[in-house]
Amino acid sequence: MTWTRVCASDTLVPDRGAAALVDGHQIAIFLLSDSGAVHAVDHRDPFSRANVMARGLVGSRGGVPTVASPMHKQSFDLVTGTCLDDPDVTLAVWPTRVTGGWVEVAVDQGSDSP
C-alpha cells in the first residue's frame, strides 16, 4: 500500500464531503464532527452511477456513521461501505490517516480497489 497525501486536515469541513482524485480513483472523504474520524469511500454512487457521494448527507444509523447518496438517499456505512438499505451493494472503503496535519489515503498499487 502507498499512502498518498490528499489535503490539509484543517481544510475539511466537519460532516461535509470532499472529493479527491487519488491514483486515478475518485474518492469521497469525510471528517466526522462527533469523533474527529476521517473516512474515505468511492465517490461513485453505485445506484445512479454518478460521482456524487462527497455531496451526500452525513449521519448515523444505530450508532454507525453513514453517508446517504444525494441522488436516491440510500445510506452507506462509512466504516464498511455496506449499503444499509441493500446489503448486496457496497462502496469501496479506503484506509485513511492524519499525519502531521495532512489527510492521507492508502492505495494498493497493484489493484483497482483499496
C-alpha atoms as a PDB file:
ATOM      1  CA  MET A   1       0.000   0.000   0.000  1.00  0.00           C
ATOM      2  CA  THR A   2       1.100   3.505  -0.771  1.00  0.00           C
ATOM      3  CA  TRP A   3      -0.066   6.445   1.345  1.00  0.00           C
ATOM      4  CA  THR A   4      -0.979   9.500  -0.726  1.00  0.00           C
ATOM      5  CA  ARG A   5      -1.301  12.976   0.786  1.00  0.00           C
ATOM      6  CA  VAL A   6      -4.714  14.333  -0.180  1.00  0.00           C
ATOM      7  CA  CYS A   7      -5.334  17.585   1.686  1.00  0.00           C
ATOM      8  CA  ALA A   8      -4.557  19.507   4.854  1.00  0.00           C
ATOM      9  CA  SER A   9      -6.793  18.192   7.623  1.00  0.00           C
ATOM     10  CA  ASP A  10      -7.905  21.707   8.588  1.00  0.00           C
ATOM     11  CA  THR A  11      -9.408  22.253   5.116  1.00  0.00           C
ATOM     12  CA  LEU A  12     -12.069  19.574   5.662  1.00  0.00           C
ATOM     13  CA  VAL A  13     -15.430  20.834   6.883  1.00  0.00           C
ATOM     14  CA  PRO A  14     -16.890  18.501   9.519  1.00  0.00           C
ATOM     15  CA  ASP A  15     -19.795  16.388   8.240  1.00  0.00           C
ATOM     16  CA  ARG A  16     -19.326  17.632   4.675  1.00  0.00           C
ATOM     17  CA  GLY A  17     -17.671  15.569   1.986  1.00  0.00           C
ATOM     18  CA  ALA A  18     -14.735  16.450  -0.211  1.00  0.00           C
ATOM     19  CA  ALA A  19     -13.892  14.777  -3.500  1.00  0.00           C
ATOM     20  CA  ALA A  20     -10.345  13.796  -4.368  1.00  0.00           C
ATOM     21  CA  LEU A  21      -8.604  12.015  -7.193  1.00  0.00           C
ATOM     22  CA  VAL A  22      -6.113   9.541  -5.746  1.00  0.00           C
ATOM     23  CA  ASP A  23      -4.061   7.437  -8.144  1.00  0.00           C
ATOM     24  CA  GLY A  24      -6.854   7.557 -10.722  1.00  0.00           C
ATOM     25  CA  HIS A  25      -9.637   6.766  -8.215  1.00  0.00           C
ATOM     26  CA  GLN A  26     -12.401   9.263  -7.392  1.00  0.00           C
ATOM     27  CA  ILE A  27     -12.790   9.204  -3.614  1.00  0.00           C
ATOM     28  CA  ALA A  28     -15.150  10.967  -1.194  1.00  0.00           C
ATOM     29  CA  ILE A  29     -13.550  11.983   2.120  1.00  0.00           C
ATOM     30  CA  PHE A  30     -15.478  12.812   5.296  1.00  0.00           C
ATOM     31  CA  LEU A  31     -14.386  14.311   8.630  1.00  0.00           C
ATOM     32  CA  LEU A  32     -16.926  13.418  11.321  1.00  0.00           C
ATOM     33  CA  SER A  33     -17.730  16.135  13.844  1.00  0.00           C
ATOM     34  CA  ASP A  34     -18.636  13.797  16.709  1.00  0.00           C
ATOM     35  CA  SER A  35     -15.496  11.612  16.665  1.00  0.00           C
ATOM     36  CA  GLY A  36     -12.990  13.522  14.546  1.00  0.00           C
ATOM     37  CA  ALA A  37     -12.558  10.360  12.459  1.00  0.00           C
ATOM     38  CA  VAL A  38     -11.751  10.660   8.755  1.00  0.00           C
ATOM     39  CA  HIS A  39     -13.354   8.180   6.348  1.00  0.00           C
ATOM     40  CA  ALA A  40     -12.939   7.681   2.607  1.00  0.00           C
ATOM     41  CA  VAL A  41     -15.250   5.793   0.251  1.00  0.00           C
ATOM     42  CA  ASP A  42     -15.769   5.628  -3.502  1.00  0.00           C
ATOM     43  CA  HIS A  43     -17.161   8.877  -4.890  1.00  0.00           C
ATOM     44  CA  ARG A  44     -19.312   6.948  -7.396  1.00  0.00           C
ATOM     45  CA  ASP A  45     -22.852   6.150  -6.247  1.00  0.00           C
ATOM     46  CA  PRO A  46     -23.443   2.502  -7.254  1.00  0.00           C
ATOM     47  CA  PHE A  47     -27.166   3.103  -7.795  1.00  0.00           C
ATOM     48  CA  SER A  48     -27.117   6.207 -10.016  1.00  0.00           C
ATOM     49  CA  ARG A  49     -23.533   5.651 -11.251  1.00  0.00           C
ATOM     50  CA  ALA A  50     -22.883   9.366 -10.764  1.00  0.00           C
ATOM     51  CA  ASN A  51     -19.814  10.674  -8.934  1.00  0.00           C
ATOM     52  CA  VAL A  52     -21.748  12.383  -6.129  1.00  0.00           C
ATOM     53  CA  MET A  53     -21.042  10.664  -2.809  1.00  0.00           C
ATOM     54  CA  ALA A  54     -18.969  13.589  -1.494  1.00  0.00           C
ATOM     55  CA  ARG A  55     -22.208  15.614  -1.678  1.00  0.00           C
ATOM     56  CA  GLY A  56     -24.064  13.040   0.419  1.00  0.00           C
ATOM     57  CA  LEU A  57     -25.707  13.642   3.781  1.00  0.00           C
ATOM     58  CA  VAL A  58     -23.599  12.539   6.753  1.00  0.00           C
ATOM     59  CA  GLY A  59     -25.410  10.998   9.711  1.00  0.00           C
ATOM     60  CA  SER A  60     -25.674   7.793  11.667  1.00  0.00           C
ATOM     61  CA  ARG A  61     -27.978   4.838  11.971  1.00  0.00           C
ATOM     62  CA  GLY A  62     -27.852   2.706  15.099  1.00  0.00           C
ATOM     63  CA  GLY A  63     -24.548   4.293  16.092  1.00  0.00           C
ATOM     64  CA  VAL A  64     -22.973   3.561  12.694  1.00  0.00           C
ATOM     65  CA  PRO A  65     -21.588   6.597  10.810  1.00  0.00           C
ATOM     66  CA  THR A  66     -23.268   6.883   7.424  1.00  0.00           C
ATOM     67  CA  VAL A  67     -23.441   8.872   4.235  1.00  0.00           C
ATOM     68  CA  ALA A  68     -26.686   8.988   2.236  1.00  0.00           C
ATOM     69  CA  SER A  69     -26.480   9.333  -1.515  1.00  0.00           C
ATOM     70  CA  PRO A  70     -27.742  12.726  -2.677  1.00  0.00           C
ATOM     71  CA  MET A  71     -29.396  11.017  -5.644  1.00  0.00           C
ATOM     72  CA  HIS A  72     -31.708   8.332  -4.239  1.00  0.00           C
ATOM     73  CA  LYS A  73     -30.909   8.600  -0.497  1.00  0.00           C
ATOM     74  CA  GLN A  74     -29.528   5.072   0.072  1.00  0.00           C
ATOM     75  CA  SER A  75     -27.370   5.102   3.222  1.00  0.00           C
ATOM     76  CA  PHE A  76     -23.902   3.577   3.343  1.00  0.00           C
ATOM     77  CA  ASP A  77     -21.833   2.606   6.382  1.00  0.00           C
ATOM     78  CA  LEU A  78     -18.703   4.797   6.271  1.00  0.00           C
ATOM     79  CA  VAL A  79     -16.652   2.103   8.049  1.00  0.00           C
ATOM     80  CA  THR A  80     -17.508  -0.927   5.897  1.00  0.00           C
ATOM     81  CA  GLY A  81     -19.044   0.641   2.764  1.00  0.00           C
ATOM     82  CA  THR A  82     -22.130  -1.584   3.041  1.00  0.00           C
ATOM     83  CA  CYS A  83     -25.426  -0.124   1.882  1.00  0.00           C
ATOM     84  CA  LEU A  84     -27.791  -0.221   4.857  1.00  0.00           C
ATOM     85  CA  ASP A  85     -30.805  -0.288   2.526  1.00  0.00           C
ATOM     86  CA  ASP A  86     -29.490  -3.072   0.275  1.00  0.00           C
ATOM     87  CA  PRO A  87     -26.628  -5.114   1.856  1.00  0.00           C
ATOM     88  CA  ASP A  88     -25.748  -6.627  -1.527  1.00  0.00           C
ATOM     89  CA  VAL A  89     -24.423  -3.231  -2.657  1.00  0.00           C
ATOM     90  CA  THR A  90     -21.223  -1.683  -1.296  1.00  0.00           C
ATOM     91  CA  LEU A  91     -18.871   1.225  -1.746  1.00  0.00           C
ATOM     92  CA  ALA A  92     -15.138   0.572  -1.630  1.00  0.00           C
ATOM     93  CA  VAL A  93     -13.617   1.878   1.606  1.00  0.00           C
ATOM     94  CA  TRP A  94     -10.178   3.463   1.550  1.00  0.00           C
ATOM     95  CA  PRO A  95      -7.817   3.421   4.564  1.00  0.00           C
ATOM     96  CA  THR A  96      -7.132   6.917   5.898  1.00  0.00           C
ATOM     97  CA  ARG A  97      -4.826   8.523   8.411  1.00  0.00           C
ATOM     98  CA  VAL A  98      -3.993  12.031   9.556  1.00  0.00           C
ATOM     99  CA  THR A  99      -0.260  12.652   9.841  1.00  0.00           C
ATOM    100  CA  GLY A 100       1.387  15.992  10.520  1.00  0.00           C
ATOM    101  CA  GLY A 101      -1.825  17.850   9.729  1.00  0.00           C
ATOM    102  CA  TRP A 102      -2.352  16.063   6.406  1.00  0.00           C
ATOM    103  CA  VAL A 103      -5.046  13.574   5.409  1.00  0.00           C
ATOM    104  CA  GLU A 104      -3.578  10.584   3.624  1.00  0.00           C
ATOM    105  CA  VAL A 105      -5.346   7.782   1.767  1.00  0.00           C
ATOM    106  CA  ALA A 106      -3.822   4.345   1.149  1.00  0.00           C
ATOM    107  CA  VAL A 107      -3.992   2.829  -2.314  1.00  0.00           C
ATOM    108  CA  ASP A 108      -2.943  -0.669  -3.301  1.00  0.00           C
ATOM    109  CA  GLN A 109      -0.709  -0.004  -6.300  1.00  0.00           C
ATOM    110  CA  GLY A 110      -1.452  -3.389  -7.859  1.00  0.00           C
ATOM    111  CA  SER A 111      -5.244  -3.209  -7.949  1.00  0.00           C
ATOM    112  CA  ASP A 112      -8.269  -1.163  -8.998  1.00  0.00           C
ATOM    113  CA  SER A 113      -9.621  -1.032  -5.426  1.00  0.00           C
ATOM    114  CA  PRO A 114      -8.354  -0.189  -1.953  1.00  0.00           C
END
